[in-house]
């Protein structure tokens, strides 16, 4: 569609006839991302609040559709890349984030660790190196003051602010560790996401992260990389009056991590009354569960 045709359609967006608006909207939506620059230009020069509101609605629907398509594709990959999944969810709120810049930053962090780690070192010594970089050098920490803030669940915000919740800190920590061949994976513990250092990195080579590898110890990324044992998890489960199950002790899939991320965001937005966001996140959740 030519730019002049797009402009002609935009000029009709404030038409009081709902049928005309509906028809114009569908035509613009069908063109996807190509129409967004022209829509944004029109929004910037318009003083018509109705027109601006309708442009915002169309742009959002195009961007949200892109998130859904990307998430469906990611869902169908065998144990999809956790960082790719995290970025897709971040685009729900920040559709224009620079994916290349995020990976560039993460590659830099991974390389710093990679060149400092001794492959022959004991697991606990590797954790000391990782903790030194993650908390002392890069200054990542748990956002205890604003624990339930939505910003803690968006990977771009966490990388920029160096603040996050247990899940996002664990995702970053494990992603960097795995890049340096350190076998650390997420454990979907109720109310507090943690990491497990497993005995063998190759245990996941068969794309089955639920194969119950031997766990050497656990890591609490929200508490400066504190190392702890299975006994602490046993005690924690008892405090919650829950029955022990393997999911509380062994690595989970990347899909489970993204599902938890979406649940966290739904809880946050529901708490502040942003019901439209909650409803859209339910759609993303349905995609992850294969209902869409």
Protein backbone atom coordinates (compact mmCIF):
# COMPACT_ATOMS: atom_id res chain seq x y z
CA UNK A 1 0.00 0.00 0.00
CA UNK A 2 1.35 3.40 -1.00
CA UNK A 3 1.93 6.05 1.64
CA UNK A 4 -0.71 8.28 0.01
CA UNK A 5 -3.27 5.47 0.35
CA UNK A 6 -2.39 5.00 4.02
CA UNK A 7 -2.78 8.74 4.63
CA UNK A 8 -6.17 8.69 2.90
CA UNK A 9 -7.31 5.90 5.23
CA UNK A 10 -5.96 7.69 8.31
CA UNK A 11 -7.95 10.77 7.33
CA UNK A 12 -11.09 8.67 7.76
CA UNK A 13 -10.25 7.35 11.20
CA UNK A 14 -12.18 10.06 13.03
CA UNK A 15 -15.34 9.45 11.01
CA UNK A 16 -18.33 9.31 13.38
CA UNK A 17 -19.84 6.40 11.46
CA UNK A 18 -18.70 3.24 13.35
CA UNK A 19 -18.95 1.10 10.19
CA UNK A 20 -16.57 3.36 8.29
CA UNK A 21 -14.14 3.38 11.20
CA UNK A 22 -14.33 -0.42 11.50
CA UNK A 23 -13.64 -0.87 7.78
CA UNK A 24 -10.70 1.57 7.79
CA UNK A 25 -9.26 -0.02 10.92
CA UNK A 26 -9.36 -3.52 9.42
CA UNK A 27 -7.60 -2.33 6.26
CA UNK A 28 -4.83 -0.70 8.28
CA UNK A 29 -4.48 -3.71 10.57
CA UNK A 30 -4.13 -6.00 7.57
CA UNK A 31 -0.98 -4.14 6.50
CA UNK A 32 0.82 -4.75 9.79
CA UNK A 33 4.02 -2.97 10.77
CA UNK A 34 4.37 -1.15 7.45
CA UNK A 35 1.68 1.37 8.39
CA UNK A 36 2.99 2.22 11.88
CA UNK A 37 5.44 5.01 10.87
CA UNK A 38 2.73 6.85 8.94
CA UNK A 39 0.25 6.36 11.78
CA UNK A 40 2.74 7.73 14.28
CA UNK A 41 3.45 10.73 12.05
CA UNK A 42 -0.28 11.43 11.84
CA UNK A 43 -0.64 11.14 15.61
CA UNK A 44 2.17 13.67 16.12
CA UNK A 45 0.62 16.42 13.97
CA UNK A 46 -3.01 15.89 14.99
CA UNK A 47 -4.86 17.83 17.69
CA UNK A 48 -7.90 15.57 17.39
CA UNK A 49 -8.10 13.43 20.54
CA UNK A 50 -10.45 10.93 18.87
CA UNK A 51 -8.05 10.43 15.98
CA UNK A 52 -5.07 10.08 18.32
CA UNK A 53 -6.88 7.53 20.47
CA UNK A 54 -7.85 5.45 17.44
CA UNK A 55 -4.31 5.57 16.06
CA UNK A 56 -2.95 4.39 19.42
CA UNK A 57 -5.46 1.54 19.43
CA UNK A 58 -4.49 0.38 15.93
CA UNK A 59 -0.74 0.62 16.60
CA UNK A 60 -1.15 -1.36 19.82
CA UNK A 61 -3.20 -4.08 18.10
CA UNK A 62 -0.55 -4.47 15.38
CA UNK A 63 2.23 -4.70 17.95
CA UNK A 64 0.30 -7.10 20.19
CA UNK A 65 -0.43 -9.35 17.22
CA UNK A 66 3.31 -9.48 16.53
CA UNK A 67 3.96 -10.56 20.13
CA UNK A 68 1.39 -13.33 19.79
CA UNK A 69 2.86 -14.60 16.51
CA UNK A 70 6.40 -14.55 17.94
CA UNK A 71 5.30 -16.34 21.11
CA UNK A 72 3.52 -19.09 19.16
CA UNK A 73 6.66 -19.68 17.12
CA UNK A 74 8.82 -19.71 20.27
CA UNK A 75 6.39 -22.09 22.04
CA UNK A 76 6.73 -24.64 19.25
CA UNK A 77 10.52 -24.78 19.50
CA UNK A 78 11.92 -27.65 21.61
CA UNK A 79 12.83 -25.95 24.90
CA UNK A 80 13.07 -22.53 23.25
CA UNK A 81 15.86 -20.11 24.10
CA UNK A 82 15.03 -18.43 27.42
CA UNK A 83 16.40 -15.04 26.41
CA UNK A 84 14.36 -14.99 23.20
CA UNK A 85 11.23 -15.82 25.22
CA UNK A 86 12.03 -13.10 27.76
CA UNK A 87 12.46 -10.51 25.01
CA UNK A 88 9.15 -11.49 23.40
CA UNK A 89 7.38 -10.89 26.72
CA UNK A 90 9.22 -7.57 27.14
CA UNK A 91 7.88 -6.48 23.76
CA UNK A 92 4.38 -6.73 25.22
CA UNK A 93 5.16 -3.50 27.09
CA UNK A 94 8.11 -2.21 25.05
CA UNK A 95 7.48 -3.08 21.38
CA UNK A 96 10.39 -0.95 20.16
CA UNK A 97 13.15 -2.42 22.35
CA UNK A 98 16.45 -2.99 20.61
CA UNK A 99 16.92 -6.78 20.63
CA UNK A 100 20.38 -6.53 19.08
CA UNK A 101 21.52 -4.17 21.83
CA UNK A 102 20.31 -6.57 24.53
CA UNK A 103 22.22 -9.51 23.04
CA UNK A 104 25.31 -7.33 22.58
CA UNK A 105 25.23 -6.41 26.27
CA UNK A 106 24.70 -10.04 27.31
CA UNK A 107 27.54 -11.25 25.08
CA UNK A 108 29.81 -8.74 26.77
CA UNK A 109 28.84 -10.02 30.22
CA UNK A 110 29.23 -13.64 29.15
CA UNK A 111 32.70 -12.99 27.74
CA UNK A 112 33.90 -11.32 30.93
CA UNK A 113 32.99 -14.43 32.91
CA UNK A 114 34.20 -16.88 30.28
CA UNK A 115 37.74 -15.49 30.30
CA UNK A 116 37.95 -15.51 34.10
CA UNK A 117 36.55 -18.97 34.80
CA UNK A 118 38.85 -21.94 35.19
CA UNK A 119 37.10 -25.00 33.72
CA UNK A 120 38.98 -27.23 36.16
CA UNK A 121 37.81 -25.27 39.21
CA UNK A 122 35.36 -26.82 41.65
CA UNK A 123 31.68 -25.87 41.23
CA UNK A 124 31.64 -23.72 44.36
CA UNK A 125 34.69 -21.80 43.11
CA UNK A 126 32.92 -21.11 39.82
CA UNK A 127 29.98 -19.70 41.75
CA UNK A 128 32.32 -17.35 43.62
CA UNK A 129 33.55 -15.99 40.28
CA UNK A 130 30.01 -15.65 38.92
CA UNK A 131 28.83 -13.93 42.11
CA UNK A 132 31.77 -11.53 42.03
CA UNK A 133 30.89 -10.36 38.53
CA UNK A 134 27.10 -10.45 38.89
CA UNK A 135 26.84 -8.60 42.21
CA UNK A 136 30.15 -6.79 42.83
CA UNK A 137 31.17 -5.74 39.31
CA UNK A 138 27.85 -5.46 37.44
CA UNK A 139 25.85 -4.47 40.54
CA UNK A 140 22.77 -6.63 39.97
CA UNK A 141 20.53 -6.94 43.03
CA UNK A 142 17.04 -7.89 44.10
CA UNK A 143 14.54 -5.04 43.94
CA UNK A 144 13.26 -5.36 47.49
CA UNK A 145 11.79 -1.84 47.70
CA UNK A 146 9.54 -2.31 44.67
CA UNK A 147 9.30 -6.09 44.60
CA UNK A 148 5.98 -6.23 42.73
CA UNK A 149 6.82 -3.58 40.13
CA UNK A 150 6.20 -4.70 36.55
CA UNK A 151 9.66 -3.38 35.62
CA UNK A 152 11.17 -6.34 37.54
CA UNK A 153 9.67 -8.73 34.98
CA UNK A 154 10.90 -7.08 31.78
CA UNK A 155 14.37 -8.19 30.74
CA UNK A 156 15.35 -4.87 29.14
CA UNK A 157 14.50 -2.97 32.34
CA UNK A 158 16.38 -5.43 34.54
CA UNK A 159 19.52 -5.21 32.39
CA UNK A 160 19.37 -1.41 32.39
CA UNK A 161 18.49 -0.82 36.05
CA UNK A 162 20.39 -3.83 37.46
CA UNK A 163 17.30 -4.50 39.61
CA UNK A 164 14.90 -7.42 39.29
CA UNK A 165 12.78 -10.10 40.94
CA UNK A 166 14.06 -13.65 41.68
CA UNK A 167 12.89 -15.01 38.32
CA UNK A 168 14.50 -12.38 36.09
CA UNK A 169 17.72 -12.33 38.08
CA UNK A 170 17.85 -16.11 37.82
CA UNK A 171 17.24 -16.00 34.07
CA UNK A 172 20.13 -13.56 33.59
CA UNK A 173 22.45 -15.40 35.99
CA UNK A 174 21.82 -18.81 34.42
CA UNK A 175 22.03 -17.45 30.85
CA UNK A 176 25.45 -15.95 31.57
CA UNK A 177 26.59 -19.09 33.43
CA UNK A 178 25.52 -21.44 30.64
CA UNK A 179 27.38 -19.25 28.15
CA UNK A 180 30.50 -20.01 30.17
CA UNK A 181 29.65 -23.76 30.24
CA UNK A 182 28.53 -23.72 33.88
CA UNK A 183 25.50 -26.06 34.27
CA UNK A 184 23.06 -23.85 36.16
CA UNK A 185 19.29 -24.06 35.54
CA UNK A 186 16.08 -22.65 36.97
CA UNK A 187 13.99 -24.39 39.62
CA UNK A 188 10.29 -23.44 39.79
CA UNK A 189 10.04 -23.28 43.57
CA UNK A 190 6.73 -21.87 44.87
CA UNK A 191 6.91 -18.21 45.90
CA UNK A 192 10.63 -17.98 45.19
CA UNK A 193 12.44 -18.91 42.00
CA UNK A 194 15.94 -20.34 42.51
CA UNK A 195 18.74 -21.99 40.53
CA UNK A 196 20.28 -25.45 40.64
CA UNK A 197 23.87 -26.37 39.86
CA UNK A 198 23.58 -29.79 38.18
CA UNK A 199 26.25 -32.45 37.97
CA UNK A 200 26.48 -32.64 34.18
CA UNK A 201 25.94 -29.95 31.54
CA UNK A 202 25.18 -32.64 28.93
CA UNK A 203 22.17 -33.85 30.87
CA UNK A 204 20.10 -31.40 28.82
CA UNK A 205 21.52 -32.36 25.43
CA UNK A 206 18.50 -34.59 24.76
CA UNK A 207 16.24 -31.52 25.05
CA UNK A 208 14.59 -33.00 28.13
CA UNK A 209 15.30 -30.59 31.01
CA UNK A 210 13.04 -32.61 33.30
CA UNK A 211 15.27 -35.69 33.32
CA UNK A 212 16.08 -35.23 37.04
CA UNK A 213 19.86 -34.65 36.99
CA UNK A 214 21.84 -34.77 40.18
CA UNK A 215 21.76 -31.35 41.83
CA UNK A 216 24.96 -30.42 43.67
CA UNK A 217 23.49 -27.33 45.35
CA UNK A 218 21.10 -24.42 44.88
CA UNK A 219 21.62 -20.67 44.37
CA UNK A 220 19.45 -17.79 45.58
CA UNK A 221 20.04 -14.97 43.09
CA UNK A 222 17.79 -12.60 45.05
CA UNK A 223 20.17 -12.90 48.02
CA UNK A 224 23.53 -12.20 46.36
CA UNK A 225 24.01 -15.72 45.02
CA UNK A 226 23.71 -17.46 48.37
CA UNK A 227 24.42 -21.18 48.05
CA UNK A 228 22.14 -23.60 49.92
CA UNK A 229 21.17 -27.27 50.04
CA UNK A 230 18.12 -29.44 49.49
CA UNK A 231 17.41 -29.37 53.22
CA UNK A 232 16.59 -25.66 53.01
CA UNK A 233 14.08 -26.38 50.25
CA UNK A 234 12.57 -29.19 52.32
CA UNK A 235 12.16 -26.81 55.26
CA UNK A 236 10.69 -24.10 53.01
CA UNK A 237 8.14 -26.51 51.53
CA UNK A 238 7.11 -27.58 55.03
CA UNK A 239 6.61 -23.94 56.05
CA UNK A 240 4.26 -23.50 53.08
CA UNK A 241 2.38 -26.69 54.08
CA UNK A 242 2.99 -28.20 50.65
CA UNK A 243 3.71 -31.79 49.73
CA UNK A 244 7.18 -32.28 48.23
CA UNK A 245 7.29 -32.90 44.48
CA UNK A 246 10.12 -33.19 41.98
CA UNK A 247 9.31 -29.80 40.40
CA UNK A 248 10.44 -28.11 43.61
CA UNK A 249 13.91 -29.65 43.45
CA UNK A 250 14.85 -30.15 39.79
CA UNK A 251 15.31 -27.85 36.79
CA UNK A 252 12.22 -26.71 34.94
CA UNK A 253 11.71 -26.03 31.23
CA UNK A 254 12.14 -22.59 29.68
CA UNK A 255 8.41 -22.59 28.88
CA UNK A 256 7.61 -22.94 32.59
CA UNK A 257 9.86 -19.97 33.28
CA UNK A 258 8.07 -17.78 30.75
CA UNK A 259 4.69 -18.94 32.07
CA UNK A 260 5.77 -17.85 35.55
CA UNK A 261 6.91 -14.51 34.11
CA UNK A 262 3.47 -13.92 32.59
CA UNK A 263 1.77 -14.94 35.85
CA UNK A 264 3.94 -12.44 37.74
CA UNK A 265 2.95 -9.66 35.34
CA UNK A 266 -0.74 -10.57 35.57
CA UNK A 267 -0.54 -10.36 39.36
CA UNK A 268 1.19 -6.97 39.18
CA UNK A 269 -1.22 -5.40 36.71
CA UNK A 270 -4.26 -6.81 38.52
CA UNK A 271 -3.00 -5.26 41.72
CA UNK A 272 -2.89 -1.78 40.14
CA UNK A 273 -6.19 -2.18 38.29
CA UNK A 274 -4.86 -2.45 34.73
CA UNK A 275 -7.44 -5.02 33.66
CA UNK A 276 -6.87 -4.57 29.90
CA UNK A 277 -3.25 -5.65 30.33
CA UNK A 278 -4.38 -8.60 32.47
CA UNK A 279 -6.76 -9.76 29.73
CA UNK A 280 -4.06 -9.51 27.06
CA UNK A 281 -1.62 -11.44 29.24
CA UNK A 282 -4.25 -14.16 29.57
CA UNK A 283 -4.11 -14.48 25.78
CA UNK A 284 -0.33 -14.92 25.96
CA UNK A 285 -0.78 -17.50 28.71
CA UNK A 286 -3.23 -19.44 26.53
CA UNK A 287 -0.63 -19.43 23.75
CA UNK A 288 2.01 -20.86 26.08
CA UNK A 289 -0.43 -23.59 27.16
CA UNK A 290 -1.21 -24.40 23.53
CA UNK A 291 -4.80 -23.14 23.68
CA UNK A 292 -4.29 -20.60 20.89
